[in-house]
Amino acid sequence: MEESGARAVCAEEALSLLNCVTQSPYDENKCLRLLHSLRDCVLAKKVKNFSLAGQEKQKTEPSSQKA
């Protein structure tokens, strides 16, 4: 178990990837490595879904969105 106990599963990998895509200049190779790292973590920890802190579960129904 992680030291803090409260950290989200694969949070460090997800945050690193998000920060990578915001950097300028964009380093596609670095971001691709981070994507693979996140994918490996997700598979190892059997993650099904991610959510943001405070985010309520939302149904993803195409008909519920209005143009």
PDB file of N, CA and C in Angstrom:
ATOM      1  N   MET A   1       0.847  -1.181   0.000  1.00  0.00           N
ATOM      2  CA  MET A   1       0.000   0.000   0.000  1.00  0.00           C
ATOM      3  C   MET A   1       0.890   1.241   0.000  1.00  0.00           C
ATOM      4  N   GLU A   2       0.433   2.286  -0.598  1.00  0.00           N
ATOM      5  CA  GLU A   2       1.212   3.515  -0.673  1.00  0.00           C
ATOM      6  C   GLU A   2       1.295   4.169   0.692  1.00  0.00           C
ATOM      7  N   GLU A   3       2.356   4.960   0.882  1.00  0.00           N
ATOM      8  CA  GLU A   3       2.617   5.603   2.162  1.00  0.00           C
ATOM      9  C   GLU A   3       1.441   6.430   2.671  1.00  0.00           C
ATOM     10  N   SER A   4       0.895   7.277   1.807  1.00  0.00           N
ATOM     11  CA  SER A   4      -0.173   8.172   2.247  1.00  0.00           C
ATOM     12  C   SER A   4      -1.493   7.447   2.459  1.00  0.00           C
ATOM     13  N   GLY A   5      -1.722   6.361   1.751  1.00  0.00           N
ATOM     14  CA  GLY A   5      -2.952   5.603   1.903  1.00  0.00           C
ATOM     15  C   GLY A   5      -4.150   6.251   1.248  1.00  0.00           C
ATOM     16  N   ALA A   6      -4.136   7.578   1.094  1.00  0.00           N
ATOM     17  CA  ALA A   6      -5.274   8.289   0.531  1.00  0.00           C
ATOM     18  C   ALA A   6      -5.070   8.639  -0.939  1.00  0.00           C
ATOM     19  N   ARG A   7      -3.893   8.369  -1.476  1.00  0.00           N
ATOM     20  CA  ARG A   7      -3.609   8.700  -2.875  1.00  0.00           C
ATOM     21  C   ARG A   7      -4.435   7.815  -3.798  1.00  0.00           C
ATOM     22  N   ALA A   8      -4.909   8.404  -4.856  1.00  0.00           N
ATOM     23  CA  ALA A   8      -5.688   7.659  -5.836  1.00  0.00           C
ATOM     24  C   ALA A   8      -4.773   6.693  -6.587  1.00  0.00           C
ATOM     25  N   VAL A   9      -5.337   5.596  -7.015  1.00  0.00           N
ATOM     26  CA  VAL A   9      -4.587   4.608  -7.771  1.00  0.00           C
ATOM     27  C   VAL A   9      -4.135   5.215  -9.096  1.00  0.00           C
ATOM     28  N   CYS A  10      -2.864   5.084  -9.416  1.00  0.00           N
ATOM     29  CA  CYS A  10      -2.258   5.573 -10.663  1.00  0.00           C
ATOM     30  C   CYS A  10      -2.313   7.096 -10.799  1.00  0.00           C
ATOM     31  N   ALA A  11      -2.501   7.797  -9.685  1.00  0.00           N
ATOM     32  CA  ALA A  11      -2.618   9.259  -9.735  1.00  0.00           C
ATOM     33  C   ALA A  11      -1.346   9.917 -10.242  1.00  0.00           C
ATOM     34  N   GLU A  12      -0.207   9.440  -9.792  1.00  0.00           N
ATOM     35  CA  GLU A  12       1.059  10.047 -10.212  1.00  0.00           C
ATOM     36  C   GLU A  12       1.270   9.890 -11.719  1.00  0.00           C
ATOM     37  N   GLU A  13       0.953   8.718 -12.245  1.00  0.00           N
ATOM     38  CA  GLU A  13       1.101   8.467 -13.680  1.00  0.00           C
ATOM     39  C   GLU A  13       0.140   9.330 -14.492  1.00  0.00           C
ATOM     40  N   ALA A  14      -1.089   9.448 -14.022  1.00  0.00           N
ATOM     41  CA  ALA A  14      -2.087  10.257 -14.733  1.00  0.00           C
ATOM     42  C   ALA A  14      -1.701  11.732 -14.721  1.00  0.00           C
ATOM     43  N   LEU A  15      -1.265  12.228 -13.587  1.00  0.00           N
ATOM     44  CA  LEU A  15      -0.872  13.626 -13.473  1.00  0.00           C
ATOM     45  C   LEU A  15       0.356  13.929 -14.338  1.00  0.00           C
ATOM     46  N   SER A  16       1.314  13.020 -14.359  1.00  0.00           N
ATOM     47  CA  SER A  16       2.503  13.216 -15.190  1.00  0.00           C
ATOM     48  C   SER A  16       2.138  13.310 -16.664  1.00  0.00           C
ATOM     49  N   LEU A  17       1.212  12.469 -17.105  1.00  0.00           N
ATOM     50  CA  LEU A  17       0.777  12.504 -18.499  1.00  0.00           C
ATOM     51  C   LEU A  17       0.048  13.804 -18.818  1.00  0.00           C
ATOM     52  N   LEU A  18      -0.842  14.226 -17.946  1.00  0.00           N
ATOM     53  CA  LEU A  18      -1.572  15.479 -18.165  1.00  0.00           C
ATOM     54  C   LEU A  18      -0.619  16.664 -18.228  1.00  0.00           C
ATOM     55  N   ASN A  19       0.349  16.688 -17.339  1.00  0.00           N
ATOM     56  CA  ASN A  19       1.317  17.777 -17.352  1.00  0.00           C
ATOM     57  C   ASN A  19       2.188  17.739 -18.598  1.00  0.00           C
ATOM     58  N   CYS A  20       2.497  16.568 -19.086  1.00  0.00           N
ATOM     59  CA  CYS A  20       3.312  16.432 -20.283  1.00  0.00           C
ATOM     60  C   CYS A  20       2.628  17.063 -21.494  1.00  0.00           C
ATOM     61  N   VAL A  21       1.338  16.810 -21.655  1.00  0.00           N
ATOM     62  CA  VAL A  21       0.645  17.326 -22.847  1.00  0.00           C
ATOM     63  C   VAL A  21       0.445  18.834 -22.798  1.00  0.00           C
ATOM     64  N   THR A  22       0.637  19.441 -21.636  1.00  0.00           N
ATOM     65  CA  THR A  22       0.491  20.889 -21.546  1.00  0.00           C
ATOM     66  C   THR A  22       1.806  21.625 -21.772  1.00  0.00           C
ATOM     67  N   GLN A  23       2.903  20.890 -21.782  1.00  0.00           N
ATOM     68  CA  GLN A  23       4.214  21.520 -21.916  1.00  0.00           C
ATOM     69  C   GLN A  23       4.458  22.014 -23.338  1.00  0.00           C
ATOM     70  N   SER A  24       5.226  23.096 -23.418  1.00  0.00           N
ATOM     71  CA  SER A  24       5.618  23.635 -24.711  1.00  0.00           C
ATOM     72  C   SER A  24       7.129  23.815 -24.677  1.00  0.00           C
ATOM     73  N   PRO A  25       7.849  23.231 -25.602  1.00  0.00           N
ATOM     74  CA  PRO A  25       7.354  22.464 -26.740  1.00  0.00           C
ATOM     75  C   PRO A  25       6.840  21.085 -26.306  1.00  0.00           C
ATOM     76  N   TYR A  26       5.918  20.585 -27.073  1.00  0.00           N
ATOM     77  CA  TYR A  26       5.311  19.285 -26.824  1.00  0.00           C
ATOM     78  C   TYR A  26       6.289  18.184 -27.207  1.00  0.00           C
ATOM     79  N   ASP A  27       6.579  17.289 -26.268  1.00  0.00           N
ATOM     80  CA  ASP A  27       7.496  16.174 -26.499  1.00  0.00           C
ATOM     81  C   ASP A  27       6.671  14.890 -26.631  1.00  0.00           C
ATOM     82  N   GLU A  28       6.330  14.563 -27.861  1.00  0.00           N
ATOM     83  CA  GLU A  28       5.446  13.427 -28.114  1.00  0.00           C
ATOM     84  C   GLU A  28       6.026  12.112 -27.591  1.00  0.00           C
ATOM     85  N   ASN A  29       7.322  11.913 -27.761  1.00  0.00           N
ATOM     86  CA  ASN A  29       7.940  10.668 -27.300  1.00  0.00           C
ATOM     87  C   ASN A  29       7.858  10.530 -25.783  1.00  0.00           C
ATOM     88  N   LYS A  30       8.100  11.619 -25.063  1.00  0.00           N
ATOM     89  CA  LYS A  30       7.998  11.598 -23.608  1.00  0.00           C
ATOM     90  C   LYS A  30       6.572  11.294 -23.176  1.00  0.00           C
ATOM     91  N   CYS A  31       5.613  11.961 -23.815  1.00  0.00           N
ATOM     92  CA  CYS A  31       4.208  11.757 -23.462  1.00  0.00           C
ATOM     93  C   CYS A  31       3.762  10.332 -23.787  1.00  0.00           C
ATOM     94  N   LEU A  32       4.287   9.782 -24.860  1.00  0.00           N
ATOM     95  CA  LEU A  32       3.941   8.408 -25.225  1.00  0.00           C
ATOM     96  C   LEU A  32       4.477   7.433 -24.177  1.00  0.00           C
ATOM     97  N   ARG A  33       5.681   7.687 -23.689  1.00  0.00           N
ATOM     98  CA  ARG A  33       6.234   6.840 -22.620  1.00  0.00           C
ATOM     99  C   ARG A  33       5.370   6.940 -21.364  1.00  0.00           C
ATOM    100  N   LEU A  34       4.934   8.159 -21.038  1.00  0.00           N
ATOM    101  CA  LEU A  34       4.078   8.345 -19.865  1.00  0.00           C
ATOM    102  C   LEU A  34       2.715   7.683 -20.051  1.00  0.00           C
ATOM    103  N   LEU A  35       2.197   7.709 -21.274  1.00  0.00           N
ATOM    104  CA  LEU A  35       0.935   7.031 -21.570  1.00  0.00           C
ATOM    105  C   LEU A  35       1.070   5.529 -21.331  1.00  0.00           C
ATOM    106  N   HIS A  36       2.171   4.960 -21.796  1.00  0.00           N
ATOM    107  CA  HIS A  36       2.402   3.525 -21.578  1.00  0.00           C
ATOM    108  C   HIS A  36       2.566   3.213 -20.091  1.00  0.00           C
ATOM    109  N   SER A  37       3.198   4.112 -19.362  1.00  0.00           N
ATOM    110  CA  SER A  37       3.352   3.929 -17.922  1.00  0.00           C
ATOM    111  C   SER A  37       1.985   3.927 -17.232  1.00  0.00           C
ATOM    112  N   LEU A  38       1.122   4.853 -17.631  1.00  0.00           N
ATOM    113  CA  LEU A  38      -0.227   4.902 -17.069  1.00  0.00           C
ATOM    114  C   LEU A  38      -1.011   3.651 -17.437  1.00  0.00           C
ATOM    115  N   ARG A  39      -0.887   3.217 -18.671  1.00  0.00           N
ATOM    116  CA  ARG A  39      -1.589   2.008 -19.117  1.00  0.00           C
ATOM    117  C   ARG A  39      -1.140   0.790 -18.321  1.00  0.00           C
ATOM    118  N   ASP A  40       0.171   0.669 -18.099  1.00  0.00           N
ATOM    119  CA  ASP A  40       0.695  -0.450 -17.304  1.00  0.00           C
ATOM    120  C   ASP A  40       0.139  -0.423 -15.884  1.00  0.00           C
ATOM    121  N   CYS A  41       0.078   0.762 -15.298  1.00  0.00           N
ATOM    122  CA  CYS A  41      -0.459   0.908 -13.937  1.00  0.00           C
ATOM    123  C   CYS A  41      -1.936   0.510 -13.895  1.00  0.00           C
ATOM    124  N   VAL A  42      -2.700   1.012 -14.860  1.00  0.00           N
ATOM    125  CA  VAL A  42      -4.133   0.721 -14.913  1.00  0.00           C
ATOM    126  C   VAL A  42      -4.371  -0.790 -15.025  1.00  0.00           C
ATOM    127  N   LEU A  43      -3.585  -1.446 -15.854  1.00  0.00           N
ATOM    128  CA  LEU A  43      -3.746  -2.895 -16.007  1.00  0.00           C
ATOM    129  C   LEU A  43      -3.324  -3.636 -14.741  1.00  0.00           C
ATOM    130  N   ALA A  44      -2.221  -3.201 -14.131  1.00  0.00           N
ATOM    131  CA  ALA A  44      -1.722  -3.862 -12.926  1.00  0.00           C
ATOM    132  C   ALA A  44      -2.682  -3.700 -11.752  1.00  0.00           C
ATOM    133  N   LYS A  45      -3.290  -2.524 -11.625  1.00  0.00           N
ATOM    134  CA  LYS A  45      -4.183  -2.233 -10.490  1.00  0.00           C
ATOM    135  C   LYS A  45      -5.649  -2.511 -10.810  1.00  0.00           C
ATOM    136  N   LYS A  46      -5.914  -2.944 -12.058  1.00  0.00           N
ATOM    137  CA  LYS A  46      -7.272  -3.278 -12.502  1.00  0.00           C
ATOM    138  C   LYS A  46      -8.242  -2.107 -12.326  1.00  0.00           C
ATOM    139  N   VAL A  47      -7.795  -0.924 -12.759  1.00  0.00           N
ATOM    140  CA  VAL A  47      -8.613   0.289 -12.672  1.00  0.00           C
ATOM    141  C   VAL A  47      -9.698   0.233 -13.743  1.00  0.00           C
ATOM    142  N   LYS A  48     -10.915   0.549 -13.361  1.00  0.00           N
ATOM    143  CA  LYS A  48     -12.038   0.557 -14.309  1.00  0.00           C
ATOM    144  C   LYS A  48     -12.387   1.971 -14.755  1.00  0.00           C
ATOM    145  N   ASN A  49     -12.339   2.936 -13.847  1.00  0.00           N
ATOM    146  CA  ASN A  49     -12.706   4.318 -14.149  1.00  0.00           C
ATOM    147  C   ASN A  49     -11.886   5.270 -13.296  1.00  0.00           C
ATOM    148  N   PHE A  50     -11.712   6.484 -13.827  1.00  0.00           N
ATOM    149  CA  PHE A  50     -11.091   7.564 -13.073  1.00  0.00           C
ATOM    150  C   PHE A  50     -12.160   8.602 -12.775  1.00  0.00           C
ATOM    151  N   SER A  51     -11.973   9.336 -11.695  1.00  0.00           N
ATOM    152  CA  SER A  51     -12.839  10.480 -11.415  1.00  0.00           C
ATOM    153  C   SER A  51     -12.002  11.543 -10.724  1.00  0.00           C
ATOM    154  N   LEU A  52     -12.456  12.779 -10.815  1.00  0.00           N
ATOM    155  CA  LEU A  52     -11.789  13.885 -10.162  1.00  0.00           C
ATOM    156  C   LEU A  52     -12.348  14.045  -8.758  1.00  0.00           C
ATOM    157  N   ALA A  53     -11.543  14.599  -7.861  1.00  0.00           N
ATOM    158  CA  ALA A  53     -11.997  14.828  -6.488  1.00  0.00           C
ATOM    159  C   ALA A  53     -13.238  15.711  -6.503  1.00  0.00           C
ATOM    160  N   GLY A  54     -14.274  15.310  -5.816  1.00  0.00           N
ATOM    161  CA  GLY A  54     -15.496  16.096  -5.743  1.00  0.00           C
ATOM    162  C   GLY A  54     -16.437  15.884  -6.922  1.00  0.00           C
ATOM    163  N   GLN A  55     -16.019  15.103  -7.890  1.00  0.00           N
ATOM    164  CA  GLN A  55     -16.855  14.874  -9.072  1.00  0.00           C
ATOM    165  C   GLN A  55     -17.915  13.829  -8.738  1.00  0.00           C
ATOM    166  N   GLU A  56     -19.156  14.149  -9.071  1.00  0.00           N
ATOM    167  CA  GLU A  56     -20.237  13.192  -8.869  1.00  0.00           C
ATOM    168  C   GLU A  56     -20.288  12.259 -10.056  1.00  0.00           C
ATOM    169  N   LYS A  57     -20.774  11.058  -9.818  1.00  0.00           N
ATOM    170  CA  LYS A  57     -20.912  10.123 -10.935  1.00  0.00           C
ATOM    171  C   LYS A  57     -21.924  10.669 -11.924  1.00  0.00           C
ATOM    172  N   GLN A  58     -21.565  10.615 -13.197  1.00  0.00           N
ATOM    173  CA  GLN A  58     -22.435  11.135 -14.239  1.00  0.00           C
ATOM    174  C   GLN A  58     -22.776  10.020 -15.209  1.00  0.00           C
ATOM    175  N   LYS A  59     -24.009   9.997 -15.625  1.00  0.00           N
ATOM    176  CA  LYS A  59     -24.400   9.062 -16.666  1.00  0.00           C
ATOM    177  C   LYS A  59     -23.958   9.629 -17.997  1.00  0.00           C
ATOM    178  N   THR A  60     -23.460   8.766 -18.862  1.00  0.00           N
ATOM    179  CA  THR A  60     -23.014   9.226 -20.177  1.00  0.00           C
ATOM    180  C   THR A  60     -24.023   8.780 -21.217  1.00  0.00           C
ATOM    181  N   GLU A  61     -25.091   9.539 -21.298  1.00  0.00           N
ATOM    182  CA  GLU A  61     -26.136   9.271 -22.271  1.00  0.00           C
ATOM    183  C   GLU A  61     -26.104  10.344 -23.342  1.00  0.00           C
ATOM    184  N   PRO A  62     -25.851   9.944 -24.605  1.00  0.00           N
ATOM    185  CA  PRO A  62     -25.769  10.937 -25.679  1.00  0.00           C
ATOM    186  C   PRO A  62     -27.006  11.810 -25.801  1.00  0.00           C
ATOM    187  N   SER A  63     -28.186  11.255 -25.506  1.00  0.00           N
ATOM    188  CA  SER A  63     -29.419  12.011 -25.666  1.00  0.00           C
ATOM    189  C   SER A  63     -29.606  13.078 -24.571  1.00  0.00           C
ATOM    190  N   SER A  64     -28.835  12.975 -23.471  1.00  0.00           N
ATOM    191  CA  SER A  64     -28.990  13.923 -22.384  1.00  0.00           C
ATOM    192  C   SER A  64     -28.244  15.234 -22.631  1.00  0.00           C
ATOM    193  N   GLN A  65     -27.381  15.270 -23.639  1.00  0.00           N
ATOM    194  CA  GLN A  65     -26.665  16.491 -23.949  1.00  0.00           C
ATOM    195  C   GLN A  65     -27.405  17.250 -25.027  1.00  0.00           C
ATOM    196  N   LYS A  66     -27.604  18.567 -24.813  1.00  0.00           N
ATOM    197  CA  LYS A  66     -28.301  19.384 -25.782  1.00  0.00           C
ATOM    198  C   LYS A  66     -27.330  20.307 -26.480  1.00  0.00           C
ATOM    199  N   ALA A  67     -27.562  20.522 -27.769  1.00  0.00           N
ATOM    200  CA  ALA A  67     -26.662  21.360 -28.561  1.00  0.00           C
ATOM    201  C   ALA A  67     -26.918  22.827 -28.321  1.00  0.00           C
TER     202      ALA A  67
END
